[in-house]
């Protein structure tokens, strides 16, 4: 995680390596072409998602068949109650997180934000 953070903030000691995308028929080395190819893949996936997730959209999550993949992350929907429990555990520090919002401010306005 720290390696990723350092790379994103420009403090990485690791030099940028050339990106190579290999398909069944070709090897793509131009960064713009790699990005374009991946973009097309993600667009195709996004078009298929509503069909694949139809049981979830209808609230029937128990019927979803999710295959376990140790290299992936899945985030489950968060209820207001669970979020409230997390925010209540905040110590109210002035320190900020990724979005530069202090804990004490989140804790103070949480109920107002949720009730909107």
N, C-alpha and C. Protein backbone atom coordinates (compact mmCIF):
# COMPACT_ATOMS: atom_id res chain seq x y z
N UNK A 1 0.83 -1.18 0.00
CA UNK A 1 0.00 0.00 0.00
C UNK A 1 0.88 1.25 0.00
N UNK A 2 1.93 1.24 0.82
CA UNK A 2 2.80 2.41 0.87
C UNK A 2 3.51 2.64 -0.46
N UNK A 3 3.85 1.56 -1.14
CA UNK A 3 4.48 1.70 -2.46
C UNK A 3 3.56 2.43 -3.41
N UNK A 4 2.28 2.05 -3.41
CA UNK A 4 1.29 2.69 -4.26
C UNK A 4 1.12 4.16 -3.90
N UNK A 5 1.04 4.45 -2.60
CA UNK A 5 0.90 5.84 -2.15
C UNK A 5 2.11 6.66 -2.58
N UNK A 6 3.30 6.11 -2.40
CA UNK A 6 4.50 6.84 -2.79
C UNK A 6 4.55 7.08 -4.30
N UNK A 7 4.11 6.09 -5.08
CA UNK A 7 4.09 6.27 -6.53
C UNK A 7 3.11 7.36 -6.93
N UNK A 8 1.93 7.37 -6.30
CA UNK A 8 0.91 8.36 -6.64
C UNK A 8 1.31 9.77 -6.23
N UNK A 9 2.05 9.90 -5.14
CA UNK A 9 2.46 11.22 -4.69
C UNK A 9 3.80 11.65 -5.29
N UNK A 10 4.36 10.81 -6.12
CA UNK A 10 5.62 11.17 -6.77
C UNK A 10 6.84 10.99 -5.90
N UNK A 11 6.72 10.27 -4.81
CA UNK A 11 7.84 10.07 -3.90
C UNK A 11 8.42 8.67 -4.00
N UNK A 12 8.16 8.02 -5.09
CA UNK A 12 8.59 6.64 -5.27
C UNK A 12 10.05 6.57 -5.65
N UNK A 13 10.72 5.57 -5.13
CA UNK A 13 12.10 5.32 -5.51
C UNK A 13 12.16 4.37 -6.71
N UNK A 14 11.01 3.80 -7.02
CA UNK A 14 10.94 2.86 -8.14
C UNK A 14 10.75 3.66 -9.43
N UNK A 15 11.60 3.38 -10.41
CA UNK A 15 11.46 4.09 -11.68
C UNK A 15 10.26 3.53 -12.44
N UNK A 16 9.64 4.40 -13.24
CA UNK A 16 8.51 3.97 -14.04
C UNK A 16 9.00 2.99 -15.09
N UNK A 17 8.32 1.88 -15.19
CA UNK A 17 8.68 0.87 -16.16
C UNK A 17 7.72 0.98 -17.34
N UNK A 18 8.20 0.58 -18.49
CA UNK A 18 7.34 0.59 -19.66
C UNK A 18 6.23 -0.43 -19.50
N UNK A 19 5.06 -0.04 -19.93
CA UNK A 19 3.90 -0.92 -19.84
C UNK A 19 3.79 -1.71 -21.14
N UNK A 20 3.63 -2.99 -21.01
CA UNK A 20 3.46 -3.86 -22.18
C UNK A 20 2.18 -4.65 -21.98
N UNK A 21 1.32 -4.60 -22.98
CA UNK A 21 0.07 -5.36 -22.95
C UNK A 21 0.15 -6.44 -24.01
N UNK A 22 0.05 -7.67 -23.57
CA UNK A 22 0.13 -8.79 -24.50
C UNK A 22 -1.26 -9.40 -24.66
N UNK A 23 -1.68 -9.55 -25.89
CA UNK A 23 -2.94 -10.23 -26.18
C UNK A 23 -2.60 -11.51 -26.92
N UNK A 24 -3.63 -12.25 -27.32
CA UNK A 24 -3.38 -13.49 -28.05
C UNK A 24 -2.66 -13.23 -29.37
N UNK A 25 -2.95 -12.08 -29.98
CA UNK A 25 -2.42 -11.84 -31.32
C UNK A 25 -1.36 -10.75 -31.41
N UNK A 26 -1.18 -9.95 -30.36
CA UNK A 26 -0.24 -8.85 -30.49
C UNK A 26 0.38 -8.44 -29.15
N UNK A 27 1.41 -7.62 -29.26
CA UNK A 27 2.09 -7.06 -28.10
C UNK A 27 2.04 -5.54 -28.28
N UNK A 28 1.39 -4.84 -27.33
CA UNK A 28 1.21 -3.39 -27.43
C UNK A 28 2.16 -2.73 -26.45
N UNK A 29 3.00 -1.82 -26.96
CA UNK A 29 3.98 -1.16 -26.09
C UNK A 29 3.76 0.34 -26.00
N UNK A 30 3.03 0.92 -26.93
CA UNK A 30 2.75 2.36 -26.89
C UNK A 30 1.78 2.63 -25.75
N UNK A 31 2.14 3.48 -24.77
CA UNK A 31 1.28 3.72 -23.61
C UNK A 31 -0.13 4.20 -23.97
N UNK A 32 -0.25 5.03 -25.00
CA UNK A 32 -1.57 5.51 -25.41
C UNK A 32 -2.42 4.36 -25.96
N UNK A 33 -1.80 3.48 -26.74
CA UNK A 33 -2.53 2.34 -27.30
C UNK A 33 -2.93 1.36 -26.20
N UNK A 34 -2.05 1.19 -25.20
CA UNK A 34 -2.39 0.32 -24.06
C UNK A 34 -3.60 0.89 -23.33
N UNK A 35 -3.57 2.20 -23.07
CA UNK A 35 -4.69 2.84 -22.38
C UNK A 35 -5.97 2.72 -23.18
N UNK A 36 -5.88 2.94 -24.49
CA UNK A 36 -7.07 2.83 -25.34
C UNK A 36 -7.64 1.41 -25.32
N UNK A 37 -6.77 0.41 -25.40
CA UNK A 37 -7.23 -0.98 -25.41
C UNK A 37 -7.91 -1.34 -24.09
N UNK A 38 -7.30 -0.93 -22.97
CA UNK A 38 -7.90 -1.20 -21.67
C UNK A 38 -9.22 -0.45 -21.51
N UNK A 39 -9.29 0.75 -22.05
CA UNK A 39 -10.53 1.52 -21.99
C UNK A 39 -11.66 0.77 -22.70
N UNK A 40 -11.36 0.20 -23.87
CA UNK A 40 -12.38 -0.57 -24.60
C UNK A 40 -12.83 -1.79 -23.79
N UNK A 41 -11.87 -2.44 -23.12
CA UNK A 41 -12.22 -3.61 -22.30
C UNK A 41 -13.16 -3.19 -21.17
N UNK A 42 -12.85 -2.08 -20.49
CA UNK A 42 -13.69 -1.63 -19.38
C UNK A 42 -15.06 -1.16 -19.86
N UNK A 43 -15.11 -0.56 -21.03
CA UNK A 43 -16.40 -0.14 -21.58
C UNK A 43 -17.26 -1.37 -21.86
N UNK A 44 -16.66 -2.40 -22.46
CA UNK A 44 -17.41 -3.63 -22.72
C UNK A 44 -17.91 -4.26 -21.43
N UNK A 45 -17.06 -4.27 -20.40
CA UNK A 45 -17.47 -4.83 -19.11
C UNK A 45 -18.62 -4.04 -18.51
N UNK A 46 -18.54 -2.71 -18.61
CA UNK A 46 -19.58 -1.85 -18.03
C UNK A 46 -20.92 -2.08 -18.72
N UNK A 47 -20.90 -2.34 -20.01
CA UNK A 47 -22.15 -2.59 -20.73
C UNK A 47 -22.79 -3.90 -20.29
N UNK A 48 -21.97 -4.87 -19.87
CA UNK A 48 -22.49 -6.17 -19.44
C UNK A 48 -22.93 -6.19 -17.98
N UNK A 49 -22.49 -5.24 -17.17
CA UNK A 49 -22.79 -5.25 -15.74
C UNK A 49 -24.28 -5.22 -15.40
N UNK A 50 -25.09 -4.38 -16.01
CA UNK A 50 -26.51 -4.38 -15.63
C UNK A 50 -27.17 -5.74 -15.81
N UNK A 51 -26.80 -6.46 -16.85
CA UNK A 51 -27.38 -7.78 -17.09
C UNK A 51 -26.88 -8.77 -16.04
N UNK A 52 -25.59 -8.73 -15.74
CA UNK A 52 -25.00 -9.65 -14.77
C UNK A 52 -25.49 -9.38 -13.35
N UNK A 53 -25.76 -8.13 -13.02
CA UNK A 53 -26.13 -7.75 -11.66
C UNK A 53 -27.62 -7.56 -11.47
N UNK A 54 -28.42 -8.04 -12.37
CA UNK A 54 -29.86 -7.87 -12.25
C UNK A 54 -30.41 -8.41 -10.93
N UNK A 55 -29.97 -9.59 -10.45
CA UNK A 55 -30.49 -10.04 -9.14
C UNK A 55 -30.16 -9.06 -8.02
N UNK A 56 -28.99 -8.44 -8.07
CA UNK A 56 -28.61 -7.49 -7.03
C UNK A 56 -29.47 -6.24 -7.10
N UNK A 57 -29.74 -5.77 -8.30
CA UNK A 57 -30.55 -4.57 -8.48
C UNK A 57 -31.94 -4.79 -7.91
N UNK A 58 -32.47 -5.98 -8.03
CA UNK A 58 -33.79 -6.28 -7.50
C UNK A 58 -33.77 -6.61 -6.01
N UNK A 59 -32.61 -6.51 -5.36
CA UNK A 59 -32.50 -6.76 -3.93
C UNK A 59 -32.36 -8.22 -3.57
N UNK A 60 -32.01 -9.06 -4.52
CA UNK A 60 -31.89 -10.49 -4.26
C UNK A 60 -30.42 -10.88 -4.24
N UNK A 61 -29.69 -10.32 -3.29
CA UNK A 61 -28.24 -10.54 -3.24
C UNK A 61 -27.88 -11.99 -2.95
N UNK A 62 -28.77 -12.72 -2.30
CA UNK A 62 -28.44 -14.11 -1.95
C UNK A 62 -28.36 -14.98 -3.20
N UNK A 63 -28.94 -14.55 -4.30
CA UNK A 63 -28.91 -15.35 -5.52
C UNK A 63 -27.67 -15.07 -6.35
N UNK A 64 -26.89 -14.05 -5.97
CA UNK A 64 -25.68 -13.75 -6.72
C UNK A 64 -24.65 -14.83 -6.50
N UNK A 65 -23.98 -15.20 -7.57
CA UNK A 65 -22.92 -16.19 -7.46
C UNK A 65 -21.60 -15.48 -7.73
N UNK A 66 -20.91 -15.14 -6.67
CA UNK A 66 -19.64 -14.44 -6.78
C UNK A 66 -18.52 -15.44 -6.57
N UNK A 67 -17.66 -15.56 -7.56
CA UNK A 67 -16.53 -16.47 -7.44
C UNK A 67 -15.45 -15.81 -6.61
N UNK A 68 -14.80 -16.58 -5.77
CA UNK A 68 -13.73 -16.07 -4.91
C UNK A 68 -12.49 -15.80 -5.75
N UNK A 69 -11.93 -14.62 -5.60
CA UNK A 69 -10.71 -14.24 -6.29
C UNK A 69 -9.83 -13.53 -5.28
N UNK A 70 -8.73 -14.15 -4.93
CA UNK A 70 -7.85 -13.58 -3.90
C UNK A 70 -7.15 -12.31 -4.36
N UNK A 71 -7.18 -12.03 -5.66
CA UNK A 71 -6.53 -10.83 -6.19
C UNK A 71 -7.51 -9.68 -6.42
N UNK A 72 -8.72 -9.81 -5.92
CA UNK A 72 -9.73 -8.78 -6.15
C UNK A 72 -10.31 -8.30 -4.82
N UNK A 73 -10.97 -7.17 -4.90
CA UNK A 73 -11.61 -6.61 -3.72
C UNK A 73 -13.08 -6.35 -4.06
N UNK A 74 -13.97 -6.71 -3.17
CA UNK A 74 -15.39 -6.45 -3.38
C UNK A 74 -15.90 -5.69 -2.17
N UNK A 75 -16.58 -4.61 -2.43
CA UNK A 75 -17.09 -3.77 -1.35
C UNK A 75 -18.60 -3.96 -1.27
N UNK A 76 -19.08 -4.41 -0.13
CA UNK A 76 -20.51 -4.61 0.06
C UNK A 76 -21.19 -3.29 0.39
N UNK A 77 -22.48 -3.17 0.07
CA UNK A 77 -23.19 -1.94 0.43
C UNK A 77 -23.13 -1.70 1.93
N UNK A 78 -23.01 -0.45 2.32
CA UNK A 78 -22.87 -0.07 3.71
C UNK A 78 -24.17 0.53 4.21
N UNK A 79 -24.66 0.03 5.33
CA UNK A 79 -25.90 0.57 5.89
C UNK A 79 -25.59 1.82 6.70
N UNK A 80 -26.61 2.63 6.89
CA UNK A 80 -26.45 3.86 7.68
C UNK A 80 -26.04 3.53 9.10
N UNK A 81 -26.57 2.45 9.66
CA UNK A 81 -26.25 2.06 11.03
C UNK A 81 -24.77 1.71 11.17
N UNK A 82 -24.25 0.93 10.23
CA UNK A 82 -22.83 0.55 10.28
C UNK A 82 -21.93 1.78 10.12
N UNK A 83 -22.32 2.66 9.21
CA UNK A 83 -21.54 3.88 9.01
C UNK A 83 -21.56 4.74 10.27
N UNK A 84 -22.70 4.82 10.92
CA UNK A 84 -22.83 5.58 12.16
C UNK A 84 -21.90 5.02 13.24
N UNK A 85 -21.82 3.70 13.34
CA UNK A 85 -20.93 3.07 14.33
C UNK A 85 -19.47 3.43 14.06
N UNK A 86 -19.09 3.47 12.78
CA UNK A 86 -17.71 3.82 12.43
C UNK A 86 -17.42 5.28 12.79
N UNK A 87 -18.33 6.18 12.42
CA UNK A 87 -18.12 7.60 12.68
C UNK A 87 -18.10 7.88 14.19
N UNK A 88 -18.93 7.17 14.95
CA UNK A 88 -18.93 7.36 16.40
C UNK A 88 -17.60 6.98 17.04
N UNK A 89 -16.85 6.10 16.42
CA UNK A 89 -15.56 5.69 16.95
C UNK A 89 -14.45 6.70 16.64
N UNK A 90 -14.73 7.67 15.76
CA UNK A 90 -13.74 8.71 15.48
C UNK A 90 -13.40 9.42 16.79
N UNK A 91 -12.14 9.77 16.97
CA UNK A 91 -11.70 10.45 18.19
C UNK A 91 -11.90 11.96 18.10
N UNK A 92 -12.27 12.45 16.93
CA UNK A 92 -12.51 13.88 16.78
C UNK A 92 -11.24 14.69 16.62
N UNK A 93 -10.22 14.08 16.05
CA UNK A 93 -8.94 14.76 15.86
C UNK A 93 -9.05 15.79 14.74
N UNK A 94 -8.12 16.69 14.72
CA UNK A 94 -8.06 17.70 13.66
C UNK A 94 -7.31 17.17 12.45
N UNK A 95 -6.73 15.97 12.56
CA UNK A 95 -5.99 15.41 11.43
C UNK A 95 -6.95 15.09 10.29
N UNK A 96 -6.41 15.15 9.08
CA UNK A 96 -7.25 14.93 7.91
C UNK A 96 -6.86 13.65 7.21
N UNK A 97 -7.77 13.18 6.38
CA UNK A 97 -7.52 11.98 5.58
C UNK A 97 -7.25 12.36 4.14
N UNK A 98 -7.56 11.45 3.25
CA UNK A 98 -7.29 11.61 1.83
C UNK A 98 -7.93 12.87 1.26
N UNK A 99 -9.15 13.17 1.67
CA UNK A 99 -9.89 14.31 1.13
C UNK A 99 -9.67 15.59 1.93
N UNK A 100 -8.72 15.59 2.84
CA UNK A 100 -8.37 16.76 3.64
C UNK A 100 -9.53 17.28 4.49
N UNK A 101 -10.36 16.36 4.99
CA UNK A 101 -11.48 16.73 5.87
C UNK A 101 -11.16 16.22 7.27
N UNK A 102 -11.13 17.09 8.27
CA UNK A 102 -10.78 16.66 9.63
C UNK A 102 -11.85 15.73 10.23
N UNK A 103 -11.39 14.80 11.07
CA UNK A 103 -12.29 13.85 11.73
C UNK A 103 -13.37 14.57 12.53
N UNK A 104 -12.98 15.60 13.28
CA UNK A 104 -13.97 16.26 14.14
C UNK A 104 -15.10 16.87 13.32
N UNK A 105 -14.79 17.33 12.11
CA UNK A 105 -15.82 17.92 11.27
C UNK A 105 -16.79 16.85 10.75
N UNK A 106 -16.24 15.71 10.33
CA UNK A 106 -17.09 14.61 9.86
C UNK A 106 -18.01 14.17 10.98
N UNK A 107 -17.45 14.03 12.18
CA UNK A 107 -18.24 13.58 13.33
C UNK A 107 -19.34 14.59 13.67
N UNK A 108 -19.01 15.86 13.56
CA UNK A 108 -19.96 16.91 13.92
C UNK A 108 -21.12 17.01 12.93
N UNK A 109 -20.87 16.85 11.64
CA UNK A 109 -21.93 17.05 10.64
C UNK A 109 -22.52 15.74 10.12
N UNK A 110 -22.09 14.61 10.65
CA UNK A 110 -22.53 13.32 10.13
C UNK A 110 -24.05 13.18 10.11
N UNK A 111 -24.69 13.45 11.22
CA UNK A 111 -26.15 13.26 11.27
C UNK A 111 -26.88 14.18 10.29
N UNK A 112 -26.36 15.36 10.09
CA UNK A 112 -26.96 16.27 9.12
C UNK A 112 -26.81 15.74 7.69
N UNK A 113 -25.65 15.19 7.38
CA UNK A 113 -25.40 14.66 6.04
C UNK A 113 -26.27 13.43 5.76
N UNK A 114 -26.43 12.57 6.73
CA UNK A 114 -27.18 11.34 6.55
C UNK A 114 -28.68 11.62 6.40
N UNK A 115 -29.17 12.61 7.09
CA UNK A 115 -30.61 12.90 7.07
C UNK A 115 -31.06 13.70 5.86
N UNK A 116 -30.18 13.97 4.94
CA UNK A 116 -30.56 14.72 3.73
C UNK A 116 -31.06 13.81 2.67
